[in-house]
């Protein structure tokens, strides 16, 4: 029987920055995109590809690109919206239950997903990077229902305070990435960017992905920046979905100083790589901007090359994720309670867990639990 509090034992010391690491990758499948959905300006789920963007053909806008243009009218993503990120994945499952849900072998009256974990790409990325970014606090909640473990992120008290007290300059810097996307994407292939309307940070286009890691099956949602295609994409065609080229868009500092280069090599590049790797992205386009938000250069990064000659190790990151998921599964199976929520706090090379019970701690809404009862 599992204790109500404790530590999840993880390989924090398996690799240190810059050290050699020879262990090969765990068995891992190519991520498969099985569907898409959109989140509109009101943060409502939309079961279509209306939020999709296409990378515009070069030549791109004349440099420098002013990422502050129209920033006074930006519509920021609400921080207090009642829908959490995991709920959009649950809404996708609800809309596609015939495709995803099957009667449980042990109890044909209940439905299951035939997957071990349901979560978000961003959560998997943060776990992969945690052995290197161990000074950053990180909190998860997880629950086991009908054979699948659902994982959601929750802000720590420190993160909530940071978000509430962000300065105007910090908020504007966060908005630069959205503006860059607006400047080099279009709603249609061969279209022109529409840059004279306010950037709406609440809107998202999400892909749903399936993958396997060391025998564990994963289902996760991921916000996708844009697709590369010369023709309109039929996002409902599975064969088309599986062959799509998505591309990641980023902004980062131009002419980095020594500290910025060290930070990029040690941390930012690991985040870029893992974020793209988890959804099979091969190319990243980055707007290199100065301190005033002016993009001076657009540079392409090859995701495979990004992992070369870095102090971090991709294989070590994959093994860290594998160990966390496996240990979390063992813990939740031992607890054996569909209403128990395991809260995990990552702090200073430790993963502390606490078992929470009660309606205020639940990460799965009642409407979703009812779907798994009746299909």
Protein backbone atom coordinates (compact mmCIF):
# COMPACT_ATOMS: atom_id res chain seq x y z
CA UNK A 1 0.00 0.00 0.00
CA UNK A 2 1.33 3.44 -0.96
CA UNK A 3 1.99 6.13 1.64
CA UNK A 4 0.06 9.40 1.43
CA UNK A 5 3.30 11.39 1.14
CA UNK A 6 6.77 10.52 -0.05
CA UNK A 7 9.46 10.86 -2.70
CA UNK A 8 9.45 9.56 -6.25
CA UNK A 9 12.95 8.23 -6.82
CA UNK A 10 14.33 9.64 -10.08
CA UNK A 11 17.77 9.51 -11.79
CA UNK A 12 18.73 13.11 -11.05
CA UNK A 13 22.44 12.26 -11.10
CA UNK A 14 22.46 10.13 -14.26
CA UNK A 15 23.91 13.00 -16.28
CA UNK A 16 25.46 16.35 -15.48
CA UNK A 17 25.85 19.24 -17.92
CA UNK A 18 28.80 18.60 -20.21
CA UNK A 19 29.51 15.07 -19.00
CA UNK A 20 29.60 12.03 -21.27
CA UNK A 21 26.47 9.87 -21.48
CA UNK A 22 26.56 6.65 -23.50
CA UNK A 23 23.23 5.04 -22.73
CA UNK A 24 21.23 4.67 -25.97
CA UNK A 25 17.72 6.03 -26.35
CA UNK A 26 14.85 4.05 -24.84
CA UNK A 27 12.53 2.47 -27.41
CA UNK A 28 10.44 5.35 -28.71
CA UNK A 29 7.99 5.57 -31.60
CA UNK A 30 7.59 8.33 -34.14
CA UNK A 31 4.81 10.62 -32.85
CA UNK A 32 1.60 10.21 -34.85
CA UNK A 33 -0.81 13.12 -35.31
CA UNK A 34 -4.32 11.62 -35.06
CA UNK A 35 -6.41 14.80 -35.17
CA UNK A 36 -6.62 18.54 -34.56
CA UNK A 37 -8.83 21.07 -32.84
CA UNK A 38 -8.91 24.81 -32.25
CA UNK A 39 -9.37 27.10 -29.25
CA UNK A 40 -11.09 30.35 -30.15
CA UNK A 41 -10.69 33.90 -28.86
CA UNK A 42 -13.02 33.18 -25.92
CA UNK A 43 -11.00 30.06 -24.98
CA UNK A 44 -13.81 27.79 -26.17
CA UNK A 45 -13.11 24.42 -27.76
CA UNK A 46 -13.82 24.20 -31.51
CA UNK A 47 -13.73 20.77 -33.15
CA UNK A 48 -12.12 21.83 -36.41
CA UNK A 49 -8.97 23.30 -37.94
CA UNK A 50 -10.21 26.91 -38.02
CA UNK A 51 -7.20 27.98 -35.94
CA UNK A 52 -4.63 26.52 -38.35
CA UNK A 53 -1.95 28.72 -39.91
CA UNK A 54 0.29 28.19 -42.95
CA UNK A 55 3.88 29.34 -43.19
CA UNK A 56 4.02 32.08 -45.82
CA UNK A 57 6.40 31.71 -48.74
CA UNK A 58 9.57 33.81 -48.71
CA UNK A 59 10.36 36.61 -49.13
CA UNK A 60 9.16 37.33 -45.62
CA UNK A 61 8.44 40.84 -44.36
CA UNK A 62 11.27 43.28 -44.80
CA UNK A 63 13.74 43.35 -41.93
CA UNK A 64 13.79 44.63 -39.31
CA UNK A 65 10.33 43.46 -38.18
CA UNK A 66 8.90 45.55 -35.34
CA UNK A 67 7.39 43.11 -32.82
CA UNK A 68 5.97 46.03 -30.86
CA UNK A 69 3.71 47.12 -33.72
CA UNK A 70 0.14 47.22 -32.40
CA UNK A 71 1.19 45.89 -29.01
CA UNK A 72 -1.07 48.38 -27.21
CA UNK A 73 -4.07 46.47 -28.66
CA UNK A 74 -2.85 42.92 -27.93
CA UNK A 75 -5.48 40.57 -26.47
CA UNK A 76 -3.72 38.54 -23.81
CA UNK A 77 -4.56 34.97 -22.84
CA UNK A 78 -6.74 35.09 -19.70
CA UNK A 79 -5.05 33.54 -16.69
CA UNK A 80 -8.29 32.93 -14.78
CA UNK A 81 -10.26 31.02 -17.41
CA UNK A 82 -12.15 28.08 -15.94
CA UNK A 83 -11.00 25.68 -18.67
CA UNK A 84 -7.55 24.26 -17.93
CA UNK A 85 -5.29 22.95 -20.70
CA UNK A 86 -6.00 19.26 -19.99
CA UNK A 87 -9.72 19.89 -20.42
CA UNK A 88 -9.22 20.67 -24.12
CA UNK A 89 -7.73 17.19 -24.56
CA UNK A 90 -10.73 15.72 -22.71
CA UNK A 91 -13.10 17.67 -24.97
CA UNK A 92 -11.30 16.25 -28.00
CA UNK A 93 -11.78 12.74 -26.59
CA UNK A 94 -15.47 13.49 -26.04
CA UNK A 95 -15.88 14.63 -29.66
CA UNK A 96 -13.97 11.62 -31.02
CA UNK A 97 -15.05 8.90 -28.58
CA UNK A 98 -15.96 6.44 -31.35
CA UNK A 99 -12.39 6.64 -32.58
CA UNK A 100 -10.71 6.56 -29.17
CA UNK A 101 -12.85 4.75 -26.57
CA UNK A 102 -13.21 0.97 -26.24
CA UNK A 103 -14.98 -1.23 -23.64
CA UNK A 104 -12.61 -2.37 -20.89
CA UNK A 105 -11.71 -6.06 -21.08
CA UNK A 106 -12.07 -6.33 -17.28
CA UNK A 107 -15.43 -4.52 -17.25
CA UNK A 108 -17.20 -4.17 -20.64
CA UNK A 109 -19.70 -1.75 -19.05
CA UNK A 110 -16.95 0.87 -18.73
CA UNK A 111 -14.91 2.56 -21.44
CA UNK A 112 -11.17 3.14 -21.68
CA UNK A 113 -8.65 4.80 -23.98
CA UNK A 114 -6.14 1.99 -24.55
CA UNK A 115 -3.37 4.37 -23.58
CA UNK A 116 -1.26 4.62 -20.43
CA UNK A 117 -1.01 8.43 -20.18
CA UNK A 118 -3.11 11.40 -21.29
CA UNK A 119 -1.47 14.81 -21.00
CA UNK A 120 0.02 17.83 -22.81
CA UNK A 121 3.25 18.04 -24.79
CA UNK A 122 4.37 20.95 -22.60
CA UNK A 123 4.21 18.77 -19.49
CA UNK A 124 6.29 16.01 -21.09
CA UNK A 125 8.81 18.63 -22.22
CA UNK A 126 9.18 20.08 -18.73
CA UNK A 127 9.72 16.64 -17.22
CA UNK A 128 12.40 15.87 -19.83
CA UNK A 129 14.25 19.09 -19.01
CA UNK A 130 13.79 18.88 -15.24
CA UNK A 131 17.12 17.17 -14.49
CA UNK A 132 18.88 20.24 -15.93
CA UNK A 133 16.40 22.89 -14.75
CA UNK A 134 16.08 21.51 -11.23
CA UNK A 135 16.20 24.99 -9.67
CA UNK A 136 12.81 25.77 -11.25
CA UNK A 137 9.73 24.72 -9.29
CA UNK A 138 7.20 22.57 -11.13
CA UNK A 139 3.92 21.02 -9.96
CA UNK A 140 1.80 18.27 -11.50
CA UNK A 141 -1.41 16.52 -10.58
CA UNK A 142 -2.20 13.01 -11.80
CA UNK A 143 -5.06 10.56 -11.44
CA UNK A 144 -5.69 7.00 -12.69
CA UNK A 145 -9.07 6.23 -14.25
CA UNK A 146 -10.05 3.12 -16.23
CA UNK A 147 -6.46 2.17 -16.97
CA UNK A 148 -5.18 5.59 -18.09
CA UNK A 149 -3.24 8.16 -16.08
CA UNK A 150 -4.20 11.80 -16.67
CA UNK A 151 -1.55 14.44 -15.93
CA UNK A 152 -2.23 18.18 -15.56
CA UNK A 153 0.07 21.06 -14.62
CA UNK A 154 -0.70 23.39 -11.75
CA UNK A 155 1.11 26.63 -10.97
CA UNK A 156 2.99 26.78 -7.69
CA UNK A 157 2.35 29.68 -5.32
CA UNK A 158 5.60 31.29 -6.51
CA UNK A 159 4.57 30.97 -10.16
CA UNK A 160 1.15 32.47 -9.45
CA UNK A 161 2.78 35.46 -7.76
CA UNK A 162 5.23 35.88 -10.65
CA UNK A 163 2.41 35.82 -13.19
CA UNK A 164 0.32 38.31 -11.21
CA UNK A 165 3.24 40.72 -10.83
CA UNK A 166 4.67 40.70 -14.34
CA UNK A 167 5.70 44.15 -15.51
CA UNK A 168 4.42 45.70 -18.73
CA UNK A 169 7.85 45.15 -20.27
CA UNK A 170 7.79 41.44 -19.36
CA UNK A 171 4.27 41.03 -20.77
CA UNK A 172 5.30 42.76 -23.97
CA UNK A 173 8.32 40.49 -24.35
CA UNK A 174 5.99 37.47 -24.03
CA UNK A 175 3.85 38.99 -26.80
CA UNK A 176 6.76 39.29 -29.24
CA UNK A 177 6.58 35.59 -30.12
CA UNK A 178 2.89 35.88 -31.03
CA UNK A 179 3.58 38.93 -33.20
CA UNK A 180 6.39 37.11 -35.01
CA UNK A 181 3.95 34.27 -35.79
CA UNK A 182 1.45 36.79 -37.15
CA UNK A 183 4.12 38.28 -39.43
CA UNK A 184 5.15 35.06 -41.21
CA UNK A 185 1.95 32.97 -41.26
CA UNK A 186 -1.33 33.13 -43.11
CA UNK A 187 -4.77 31.53 -42.82
CA UNK A 188 -4.38 30.05 -46.33
CA UNK A 189 -1.53 28.63 -48.44
CA UNK A 190 0.17 31.37 -50.50
CA UNK A 191 -1.69 33.94 -48.41
CA UNK A 192 -0.33 37.18 -47.06
CA UNK A 193 0.21 37.82 -43.34
CA UNK A 194 -2.47 40.03 -41.81
CA UNK A 195 -0.57 42.25 -39.39
CA UNK A 196 -2.94 45.21 -38.99
CA UNK A 197 -5.26 43.44 -36.53
CA UNK A 198 -4.58 42.90 -32.81
CA UNK A 199 -2.69 39.75 -31.87
CA UNK A 200 -5.01 37.45 -29.89
CA UNK A 201 -2.93 35.31 -27.54
CA UNK A 202 -5.98 33.29 -26.43
CA UNK A 203 -6.37 31.53 -29.77
CA UNK A 204 -4.66 28.18 -30.34
CA UNK A 205 -4.42 25.40 -32.89
CA UNK A 206 -3.85 22.04 -31.22
CA UNK A 207 -2.68 18.72 -32.60
CA UNK A 208 -3.43 15.41 -30.88
CA UNK A 209 -0.55 12.97 -30.88
CA UNK A 210 -0.02 9.31 -30.07
CA UNK A 211 3.34 7.83 -29.22
CA UNK A 212 5.08 5.06 -27.30
CA UNK A 213 7.99 5.34 -24.88
CA UNK A 214 9.59 2.11 -23.64
CA UNK A 215 6.31 0.23 -24.08
CA UNK A 216 4.13 2.94 -22.48
CA UNK A 217 1.43 4.44 -24.69
CA UNK A 218 0.96 8.22 -24.64
CA UNK A 219 -1.83 10.49 -25.90
CA UNK A 220 -1.12 14.22 -25.71
CA UNK A 221 -2.20 17.56 -27.09
CA UNK A 222 0.26 20.14 -28.40
CA UNK A 223 -0.17 23.71 -29.60
CA UNK A 224 1.11 23.86 -33.19
CA UNK A 225 2.40 27.11 -34.69
CA UNK A 226 1.94 26.46 -38.39
CA UNK A 227 2.00 23.91 -41.19
CA UNK A 228 4.07 23.93 -44.38
CA UNK A 229 1.88 23.23 -47.42
CA UNK A 230 1.35 24.64 -50.89
CA UNK A 231 -2.25 23.39 -50.93
CA UNK A 232 -5.13 23.66 -48.42
CA UNK A 233 -4.78 20.78 -45.96
CA UNK A 234 -7.59 18.30 -45.31
CA UNK A 235 -7.01 17.93 -41.57
CA UNK A 236 -9.71 15.22 -41.39
CA UNK A 237 -7.75 12.80 -43.60
CA UNK A 238 -5.58 10.52 -41.38
CA UNK A 239 -3.08 9.89 -44.18
CA UNK A 240 -2.66 13.63 -44.74
CA UNK A 241 -2.34 14.29 -41.00
CA UNK A 242 0.37 11.68 -40.62
CA UNK A 243 2.47 13.19 -43.41
CA UNK A 244 2.09 16.88 -42.50
CA UNK A 245 5.14 19.06 -41.95
CA UNK A 246 4.60 21.25 -38.93
CA UNK A 247 7.15 23.93 -38.13
CA UNK A 248 7.92 25.64 -34.83
CA UNK A 249 8.30 29.43 -34.64
CA UNK A 250 10.47 31.09 -31.99
CA UNK A 251 12.06 34.38 -31.08
CA UNK A 252 15.41 34.69 -29.38
CA UNK A 253 18.15 37.23 -28.83
CA UNK A 254 20.18 38.60 -31.75
CA UNK A 255 23.97 38.78 -31.37
CA UNK A 256 23.91 36.94 -28.03
CA UNK A 257 26.43 37.92 -25.39
CA UNK A 258 28.37 35.28 -23.45
CA UNK A 259 25.70 34.81 -20.77
CA UNK A 260 22.92 34.56 -23.34
CA UNK A 261 24.89 31.99 -25.34
CA UNK A 262 25.50 29.92 -22.20
CA UNK A 263 21.81 30.06 -21.32
CA UNK A 264 20.84 29.07 -24.87
CA UNK A 265 23.24 26.12 -24.97
CA UNK A 266 22.43 24.89 -21.46
CA UNK A 267 18.67 25.39 -21.26
CA UNK A 268 16.78 27.06 -24.10
CA UNK A 269 18.10 24.72 -26.80
CA UNK A 270 17.08 21.70 -24.66
CA UNK A 271 13.56 23.08 -24.42
CA UNK A 272 13.42 23.80 -28.15
CA UNK A 273 14.68 20.33 -29.02
CA UNK A 274 12.37 18.38 -26.67
CA UNK A 275 9.33 20.46 -27.65
CA UNK A 276 9.90 19.71 -31.34
CA UNK A 277 11.04 16.11 -30.87
CA UNK A 278 7.82 15.14 -29.08
CA UNK A 279 5.71 16.09 -32.13
CA UNK A 280 8.14 15.12 -34.89
CA UNK A 281 9.05 18.67 -35.94
CA UNK A 282 12.27 18.82 -37.98
CA UNK A 283 12.71 22.60 -38.44
CA UNK A 284 12.47 25.66 -36.21
CA UNK A 285 12.30 29.19 -37.62
CA UNK A 286 13.57 31.79 -35.18
CA UNK A 287 13.25 35.54 -35.34
CA UNK A 288 16.46 36.93 -33.91
CA UNK A 289 15.43 40.15 -32.19
CA UNK A 290 17.25 42.89 -30.36
CA UNK A 291 16.39 44.23 -26.91
CA UNK A 292 13.85 46.64 -28.45
CA UNK A 293 11.84 43.87 -30.11
CA UNK A 294 13.16 44.43 -33.64
CA UNK A 295 13.78 41.19 -35.60
CA UNK A 296 17.12 41.67 -37.35
CA UNK A 297 17.40 38.19 -38.86
CA UNK A 298 15.32 35.04 -39.42
CA UNK A 299 17.32 31.87 -38.90
CA UNK A 300 16.41 28.23 -39.48
CA UNK A 301 17.46 25.60 -36.92
CA UNK A 302 17.61 21.91 -37.78
CA UNK A 303 16.15 20.08 -34.77
CA UNK A 304 18.55 17.13 -35.07
CA UNK A 305 21.55 19.43 -35.31
CA UNK A 306 20.29 21.39 -32.30
CA UNK A 307 21.11 18.41 -30.06
CA UNK A 308 24.73 18.14 -31.22
CA UNK A 309 27.61 19.37 -29.07
CA UNK A 310 25.38 20.59 -26.27
CA UNK A 311 25.98 20.11 -22.53
CA UNK A 312 22.61 18.31 -22.24
CA UNK A 313 21.91 14.85 -23.63
CA UNK A 314 18.73 13.84 -25.52
CA UNK A 315 18.94 10.21 -24.43
CA UNK A 316 19.29 11.18 -20.76
CA UNK A 317 16.23 13.41 -21.11
CA UNK A 318 14.18 10.59 -22.63
CA UNK A 319 15.25 8.19 -19.86
CA UNK A 320 14.35 10.72 -17.18
CA UNK A 321 10.85 11.02 -18.66
CA UNK A 322 10.55 7.23 -18.91
CA UNK A 323 11.54 6.76 -15.25
CA UNK A 324 9.13 9.42 -14.02
CA UNK A 325 6.17 8.01 -15.96
CA UNK A 326 6.95 4.45 -14.87
CA UNK A 327 7.30 5.39 -11.19
CA UNK A 328 4.15 7.53 -11.30
CA UNK A 329 2.22 4.62 -12.80
CA UNK A 330 3.48 2.24 -10.11
CA UNK A 331 2.40 4.70 -7.42
CA UNK A 332 -1.10 5.26 -8.81
CA UNK A 333 -1.68 1.55 -9.39
CA UNK A 334 -0.69 0.91 -5.76
CA UNK A 335 -3.10 3.63 -4.55
CA UNK A 336 -5.88 2.06 -6.68
CA UNK A 337 -8.44 4.84 -6.23
CA UNK A 338 -9.99 6.60 -9.28
CA UNK A 339 -10.72 9.69 -7.16
CA UNK A 340 -7.24 9.95 -5.62
CA UNK A 341 -5.05 12.71 -7.07
CA UNK A 342 -1.28 12.52 -6.74
CA UNK A 343 0.30 15.97 -6.55
CA UNK A 344 3.99 16.02 -7.46
CA UNK A 345 6.22 18.96 -6.56
CA UNK A 346 9.64 19.11 -8.24
CA UNK A 347 12.05 21.09 -6.05
CA UNK A 348 15.84 21.09 -5.81
CA UNK A 349 16.44 17.62 -7.36
CA UNK A 350 13.54 16.03 -5.49
CA UNK A 351 10.07 14.92 -6.62
CA UNK A 352 7.82 15.06 -3.56
CA UNK A 353 4.37 13.53 -3.84
CA UNK A 354 1.20 13.88 -1.80
CA UNK A 355 -2.06 11.95 -2.23
CA UNK A 356 -5.04 14.32 -2.26
CA UNK A 357 -8.70 13.40 -1.99
CA UNK A 358 -11.82 15.53 -2.24
CA UNK A 359 -13.70 17.36 -5.00
CA UNK A 360 -11.51 20.48 -4.82
CA UNK A 361 -8.46 18.49 -5.98
CA UNK A 362 -9.97 16.68 -8.97
CA UNK A 363 -8.49 17.22 -12.44
CA UNK A 364 -11.19 15.24 -14.29
CA UNK A 365 -14.64 16.87 -14.50
CA UNK A 366 -17.75 14.80 -13.77
CA UNK A 367 -18.96 15.03 -17.37
CA UNK A 368 -15.80 13.25 -18.52
CA UNK A 369 -16.08 10.51 -15.90
CA UNK A 370 -19.66 9.95 -17.06
CA UNK A 371 -18.49 9.41 -20.64
CA UNK A 372 -16.23 6.59 -19.46
CA UNK A 373 -19.18 4.97 -17.70
CA UNK A 374 -21.52 5.02 -20.67
CA UNK A 375 -19.45 5.69 -23.78
